[in-house]
Amino acid sequence: MHKRILALGRMKKGEMNKTEAAYAGYLEAQKIAGKLVWYEFEPITLRLANRTSYTPDFLVLRDDGVLECHEVKGFWRDDAKVKTKIAAEKFPFRFVVIRKVKGGWDFEEF
């Protein structure tokens, strides 16, 4: 019998990992507090080049009307850094990378 081997950290499309789910809870609290209007998990895929796309974890509409793409990371891999930087240069959204840190969240804007 063959065992199916899956890469760690990879979820089925549309499923959140534990860090993303925790961040969704943070976003919901921000929405209740009136600091953002709307958010959704993986609602868009951006085409960066031929056969290269990028799906931000969350699309967030802030209370000031700014639309942001939020990428939640446990740690940064080089390919994710490159895709985020290219997307930030190509599209008119604010891109924010969020990392879980002790006691909260760390935000880096692009």
N, C-alpha and C. Protein backbone atom coordinates (compact mmCIF):
# COMPACT_ATOMS: atom_id res chain seq x y z
N MET A 1 0.85 -1.18 0.00
CA MET A 1 0.00 0.00 0.00
C MET A 1 0.90 1.24 0.00
N HIS A 2 0.58 2.19 -0.85
CA HIS A 2 1.35 3.43 -0.95
C HIS A 2 0.75 4.51 -0.07
N LYS A 3 1.62 5.21 0.64
CA LYS A 3 1.18 6.34 1.44
C LYS A 3 1.21 7.59 0.59
N ARG A 4 0.22 8.40 0.72
CA ARG A 4 0.18 9.67 0.00
C ARG A 4 1.00 10.69 0.78
N ILE A 5 1.95 11.33 0.11
CA ILE A 5 2.81 12.31 0.75
C ILE A 5 2.38 13.71 0.31
N LEU A 6 2.14 14.59 1.29
CA LEU A 6 1.74 15.96 1.00
C LEU A 6 2.78 16.91 1.55
N ALA A 7 3.00 18.00 0.84
CA ALA A 7 3.93 19.02 1.32
C ALA A 7 3.32 19.69 2.55
N LEU A 8 4.13 19.88 3.56
CA LEU A 8 3.65 20.56 4.75
C LEU A 8 3.34 22.00 4.45
N GLY A 9 2.29 22.53 5.08
CA GLY A 9 1.96 23.94 4.91
C GLY A 9 1.08 24.24 3.71
N ARG A 10 0.86 23.28 2.85
CA ARG A 10 0.01 23.49 1.68
C ARG A 10 -1.41 23.06 2.00
N MET A 11 -2.34 23.96 1.78
CA MET A 11 -3.74 23.66 2.04
C MET A 11 -4.47 23.60 0.70
N LYS A 12 -5.62 22.94 0.71
CA LYS A 12 -6.46 22.95 -0.48
C LYS A 12 -6.87 24.39 -0.75
N LYS A 13 -7.08 24.69 -2.02
CA LYS A 13 -7.51 26.03 -2.39
C LYS A 13 -8.78 26.39 -1.62
N GLY A 14 -8.77 27.58 -1.03
CA GLY A 14 -9.93 28.05 -0.28
C GLY A 14 -9.94 27.66 1.20
N GLU A 15 -8.95 26.86 1.64
CA GLU A 15 -8.86 26.47 3.04
C GLU A 15 -7.76 27.27 3.73
N MET A 16 -8.05 27.76 4.92
CA MET A 16 -7.06 28.52 5.69
C MET A 16 -6.21 27.60 6.55
N ASN A 17 -4.92 27.96 6.68
CA ASN A 17 -4.10 27.27 7.66
C ASN A 17 -4.35 27.93 9.03
N LYS A 18 -3.69 27.46 10.07
CA LYS A 18 -3.96 27.98 11.42
C LYS A 18 -3.60 29.46 11.56
N THR A 19 -2.52 29.88 10.94
CA THR A 19 -2.11 31.29 11.03
C THR A 19 -3.09 32.18 10.30
N GLU A 20 -3.52 31.76 9.11
CA GLU A 20 -4.52 32.53 8.35
C GLU A 20 -5.84 32.61 9.11
N ALA A 21 -6.25 31.51 9.73
CA ALA A 21 -7.50 31.50 10.50
C ALA A 21 -7.40 32.45 11.70
N ALA A 22 -6.25 32.47 12.35
CA ALA A 22 -6.05 33.39 13.48
C ALA A 22 -6.10 34.83 12.99
N TYR A 23 -5.51 35.09 11.83
CA TYR A 23 -5.53 36.44 11.28
C TYR A 23 -6.95 36.84 10.86
N ALA A 24 -7.71 35.89 10.34
CA ALA A 24 -9.12 36.17 10.00
C ALA A 24 -9.88 36.61 11.25
N GLY A 25 -9.57 36.01 12.39
CA GLY A 25 -10.17 36.44 13.65
C GLY A 25 -9.78 37.87 14.00
N TYR A 26 -8.53 38.21 13.75
CA TYR A 26 -8.05 39.58 13.97
C TYR A 26 -8.81 40.55 13.05
N LEU A 27 -8.95 40.18 11.77
CA LEU A 27 -9.67 41.04 10.83
C LEU A 27 -11.13 41.22 11.25
N GLU A 28 -11.76 40.15 11.72
CA GLU A 28 -13.15 40.24 12.15
C GLU A 28 -13.27 41.22 13.32
N ALA A 29 -12.34 41.17 14.26
CA ALA A 29 -12.35 42.10 15.39
C ALA A 29 -12.17 43.54 14.90
N GLN A 30 -11.31 43.74 13.89
CA GLN A 30 -11.11 45.07 13.32
C GLN A 30 -12.37 45.57 12.62
N LYS A 31 -13.08 44.64 11.97
CA LYS A 31 -14.33 44.99 11.30
C LYS A 31 -15.39 45.41 12.33
N ILE A 32 -15.52 44.64 13.40
CA ILE A 32 -16.48 44.96 14.46
C ILE A 32 -16.16 46.31 15.09
N ALA A 33 -14.87 46.62 15.21
CA ALA A 33 -14.43 47.89 15.80
C ALA A 33 -14.57 49.06 14.82
N GLY A 34 -14.97 48.78 13.58
CA GLY A 34 -15.18 49.84 12.59
C GLY A 34 -13.91 50.31 11.89
N LYS A 35 -12.82 49.54 12.02
CA LYS A 35 -11.56 49.94 11.40
C LYS A 35 -11.41 49.44 9.97
N LEU A 36 -12.27 48.49 9.59
CA LEU A 36 -12.31 48.06 8.20
C LEU A 36 -13.74 47.73 7.84
N VAL A 37 -14.02 47.80 6.55
CA VAL A 37 -15.39 47.64 6.06
C VAL A 37 -15.67 46.20 5.65
N TRP A 38 -14.66 45.56 5.03
CA TRP A 38 -14.89 44.25 4.41
C TRP A 38 -13.56 43.54 4.25
N TYR A 39 -13.61 42.20 4.27
CA TYR A 39 -12.45 41.38 3.94
C TYR A 39 -12.94 40.04 3.43
N GLU A 40 -12.12 39.39 2.64
CA GLU A 40 -12.46 38.06 2.15
C GLU A 40 -11.16 37.28 1.92
N PHE A 41 -11.22 35.98 2.14
CA PHE A 41 -10.08 35.09 1.97
C PHE A 41 -9.96 34.65 0.51
N GLU A 42 -8.78 34.86 -0.06
CA GLU A 42 -8.43 34.45 -1.44
C GLU A 42 -9.49 34.77 -2.49
N PRO A 43 -9.98 36.01 -2.55
CA PRO A 43 -11.03 36.32 -3.52
C PRO A 43 -10.53 36.60 -4.94
N ILE A 44 -9.24 36.90 -5.09
CA ILE A 44 -8.73 37.25 -6.42
C ILE A 44 -7.39 36.57 -6.67
N THR A 45 -7.09 36.38 -7.95
CA THR A 45 -5.78 35.93 -8.38
C THR A 45 -5.28 36.96 -9.38
N LEU A 46 -4.06 37.44 -9.15
CA LEU A 46 -3.46 38.46 -10.01
C LEU A 46 -2.47 37.81 -10.97
N ARG A 47 -2.55 38.18 -12.22
CA ARG A 47 -1.63 37.64 -13.22
C ARG A 47 -0.39 38.53 -13.26
N LEU A 48 0.75 37.95 -12.92
CA LEU A 48 2.01 38.71 -12.89
C LEU A 48 2.74 38.65 -14.22
N ALA A 49 2.66 37.51 -14.89
CA ALA A 49 3.31 37.29 -16.19
C ALA A 49 2.71 36.02 -16.77
N ASN A 50 3.17 35.63 -17.96
CA ASN A 50 2.67 34.39 -18.55
C ASN A 50 2.97 33.23 -17.59
N ARG A 51 1.94 32.45 -17.26
CA ARG A 51 2.02 31.28 -16.39
C ARG A 51 2.53 31.60 -14.99
N THR A 52 2.40 32.85 -14.58
CA THR A 52 2.79 33.23 -13.22
C THR A 52 1.68 34.07 -12.62
N SER A 53 1.13 33.58 -11.52
CA SER A 53 0.05 34.32 -10.86
C SER A 53 0.32 34.38 -9.36
N TYR A 54 -0.46 35.21 -8.71
CA TYR A 54 -0.31 35.43 -7.27
C TYR A 54 -1.70 35.62 -6.67
N THR A 55 -2.00 34.84 -5.65
CA THR A 55 -3.28 34.95 -4.95
C THR A 55 -3.00 35.42 -3.53
N PRO A 56 -3.31 36.68 -3.24
CA PRO A 56 -3.11 37.15 -1.87
C PRO A 56 -4.07 36.44 -0.92
N ASP A 57 -3.64 36.27 0.32
CA ASP A 57 -4.48 35.56 1.29
C ASP A 57 -5.80 36.28 1.55
N PHE A 58 -5.74 37.60 1.74
CA PHE A 58 -6.94 38.37 2.03
C PHE A 58 -6.97 39.64 1.20
N LEU A 59 -8.15 40.02 0.78
CA LEU A 59 -8.40 41.34 0.21
C LEU A 59 -9.18 42.10 1.28
N VAL A 60 -8.69 43.29 1.64
CA VAL A 60 -9.23 44.04 2.77
C VAL A 60 -9.59 45.45 2.33
N LEU A 61 -10.81 45.88 2.63
CA LEU A 61 -11.24 47.25 2.38
C LEU A 61 -11.26 47.98 3.72
N ARG A 62 -10.34 48.93 3.86
CA ARG A 62 -10.24 49.69 5.10
C ARG A 62 -11.36 50.72 5.19
N ASP A 63 -11.55 51.29 6.37
CA ASP A 63 -12.61 52.28 6.58
C ASP A 63 -12.37 53.58 5.83
N ASP A 64 -11.11 53.82 5.39
CA ASP A 64 -10.80 55.03 4.62
C ASP A 64 -10.90 54.80 3.11
N GLY A 65 -11.39 53.62 2.70
CA GLY A 65 -11.58 53.33 1.28
C GLY A 65 -10.38 52.72 0.58
N VAL A 66 -9.29 52.50 1.28
CA VAL A 66 -8.09 51.91 0.69
C VAL A 66 -8.27 50.39 0.62
N LEU A 67 -7.97 49.83 -0.56
CA LEU A 67 -8.06 48.39 -0.77
C LEU A 67 -6.66 47.80 -0.62
N GLU A 68 -6.53 46.79 0.23
CA GLU A 68 -5.23 46.20 0.51
C GLU A 68 -5.25 44.70 0.24
N CYS A 69 -4.12 44.18 -0.23
CA CYS A 69 -3.90 42.75 -0.35
C CYS A 69 -3.03 42.34 0.82
N HIS A 70 -3.53 41.42 1.65
CA HIS A 70 -2.79 40.98 2.83
C HIS A 70 -2.27 39.56 2.61
N GLU A 71 -1.00 39.38 2.84
CA GLU A 71 -0.33 38.09 2.72
C GLU A 71 0.13 37.68 4.12
N VAL A 72 -0.38 36.56 4.61
CA VAL A 72 -0.06 36.09 5.96
C VAL A 72 1.02 35.01 5.86
N LYS A 73 2.12 35.23 6.58
CA LYS A 73 3.26 34.31 6.49
C LYS A 73 3.74 33.88 7.87
N GLY A 74 4.09 32.61 7.98
CA GLY A 74 4.80 32.14 9.15
C GLY A 74 6.27 32.52 9.00
N PHE A 75 6.77 32.39 7.79
CA PHE A 75 8.11 32.86 7.43
C PHE A 75 8.14 33.11 5.93
N TRP A 76 9.04 33.97 5.50
CA TRP A 76 9.15 34.40 4.10
C TRP A 76 10.04 33.46 3.31
N ARG A 77 9.55 32.96 2.22
CA ARG A 77 10.39 32.25 1.24
C ARG A 77 10.70 33.23 0.12
N ASP A 78 11.83 33.02 -0.53
CA ASP A 78 12.26 33.95 -1.58
C ASP A 78 11.24 34.10 -2.69
N ASP A 79 10.60 33.00 -3.13
CA ASP A 79 9.63 33.10 -4.23
C ASP A 79 8.43 33.94 -3.81
N ALA A 80 8.00 33.83 -2.55
CA ALA A 80 6.88 34.64 -2.08
C ALA A 80 7.25 36.11 -2.01
N LYS A 81 8.47 36.41 -1.60
CA LYS A 81 8.93 37.80 -1.56
C LYS A 81 8.92 38.41 -2.95
N VAL A 82 9.44 37.68 -3.91
CA VAL A 82 9.52 38.18 -5.29
C VAL A 82 8.12 38.43 -5.85
N LYS A 83 7.22 37.48 -5.69
CA LYS A 83 5.85 37.64 -6.20
C LYS A 83 5.15 38.83 -5.56
N THR A 84 5.32 39.00 -4.26
CA THR A 84 4.67 40.12 -3.57
C THR A 84 5.23 41.45 -4.07
N LYS A 85 6.52 41.53 -4.24
CA LYS A 85 7.15 42.77 -4.72
C LYS A 85 6.73 43.09 -6.15
N ILE A 86 6.67 42.09 -7.00
CA ILE A 86 6.22 42.30 -8.39
C ILE A 86 4.77 42.76 -8.41
N ALA A 87 3.91 42.10 -7.63
CA ALA A 87 2.50 42.48 -7.57
C ALA A 87 2.34 43.91 -7.08
N ALA A 88 3.13 44.30 -6.08
CA ALA A 88 3.05 45.66 -5.53
C ALA A 88 3.46 46.71 -6.56
N GLU A 89 4.39 46.37 -7.43
CA GLU A 89 4.82 47.30 -8.48
C GLU A 89 3.80 47.38 -9.62
N LYS A 90 3.10 46.28 -9.87
CA LYS A 90 2.22 46.19 -11.03
C LYS A 90 0.78 46.64 -10.79
N PHE A 91 0.27 46.46 -9.57
CA PHE A 91 -1.15 46.69 -9.30
C PHE A 91 -1.36 47.84 -8.33
N PRO A 92 -2.49 48.56 -8.45
CA PRO A 92 -2.75 49.75 -7.62
C PRO A 92 -3.37 49.45 -6.26
N PHE A 93 -2.88 48.42 -5.62
CA PHE A 93 -3.33 48.08 -4.27
C PHE A 93 -2.16 48.31 -3.31
N ARG A 94 -2.47 48.47 -2.06
CA ARG A 94 -1.43 48.45 -1.04
C ARG A 94 -1.26 46.98 -0.66
N PHE A 95 -0.03 46.52 -0.62
CA PHE A 95 0.27 45.14 -0.25
C PHE A 95 0.88 45.14 1.15
N VAL A 96 0.37 44.26 1.99
CA VAL A 96 0.83 44.17 3.37
C VAL A 96 1.15 42.70 3.67
N VAL A 97 2.34 42.48 4.19
CA VAL A 97 2.72 41.14 4.63
C VAL A 97 2.61 41.11 6.14
N ILE A 98 1.92 40.10 6.63
CA ILE A 98 1.65 39.98 8.06
C ILE A 98 2.32 38.72 8.58
N ARG A 99 3.06 38.87 9.67
CA ARG A 99 3.67 37.72 10.33
C ARG A 99 3.21 37.68 11.78
N LYS A 100 2.89 36.47 12.23
CA LYS A 100 2.49 36.31 13.62
C LYS A 100 3.74 36.38 14.49
N VAL A 101 3.68 37.24 15.50
CA VAL A 101 4.77 37.37 16.45
C VAL A 101 4.19 37.22 17.86
N LYS A 102 5.05 36.99 18.80
CA LYS A 102 4.59 36.84 20.18
C LYS A 102 3.79 38.07 20.60
N GLY A 103 2.56 37.85 20.99
CA GLY A 103 1.72 38.94 21.45
C GLY A 103 0.96 39.69 20.36
N GLY A 104 1.04 39.26 19.10
CA GLY A 104 0.28 39.96 18.07
C GLY A 104 0.75 39.70 16.66
N TRP A 105 0.76 40.77 15.87
CA TRP A 105 1.05 40.67 14.44
C TRP A 105 2.09 41.73 14.06
N ASP A 106 2.94 41.39 13.10
CA ASP A 106 3.92 42.32 12.55
C ASP A 106 3.50 42.62 11.12
N PHE A 107 3.44 43.91 10.76
CA PHE A 107 2.97 44.33 9.44
C PHE A 107 4.11 44.99 8.66
N GLU A 108 4.27 44.60 7.40
CA GLU A 108 5.25 45.22 6.50
C GLU A 108 4.53 45.62 5.22
N GLU A 109 4.56 46.90 4.89
CA GLU A 109 3.85 47.40 3.71
C GLU A 109 4.75 47.46 2.49
N PHE A 110 4.14 47.27 1.32
CA PHE A 110 4.85 47.39 0.04
C PHE A 110 4.14 48.39 -0.82
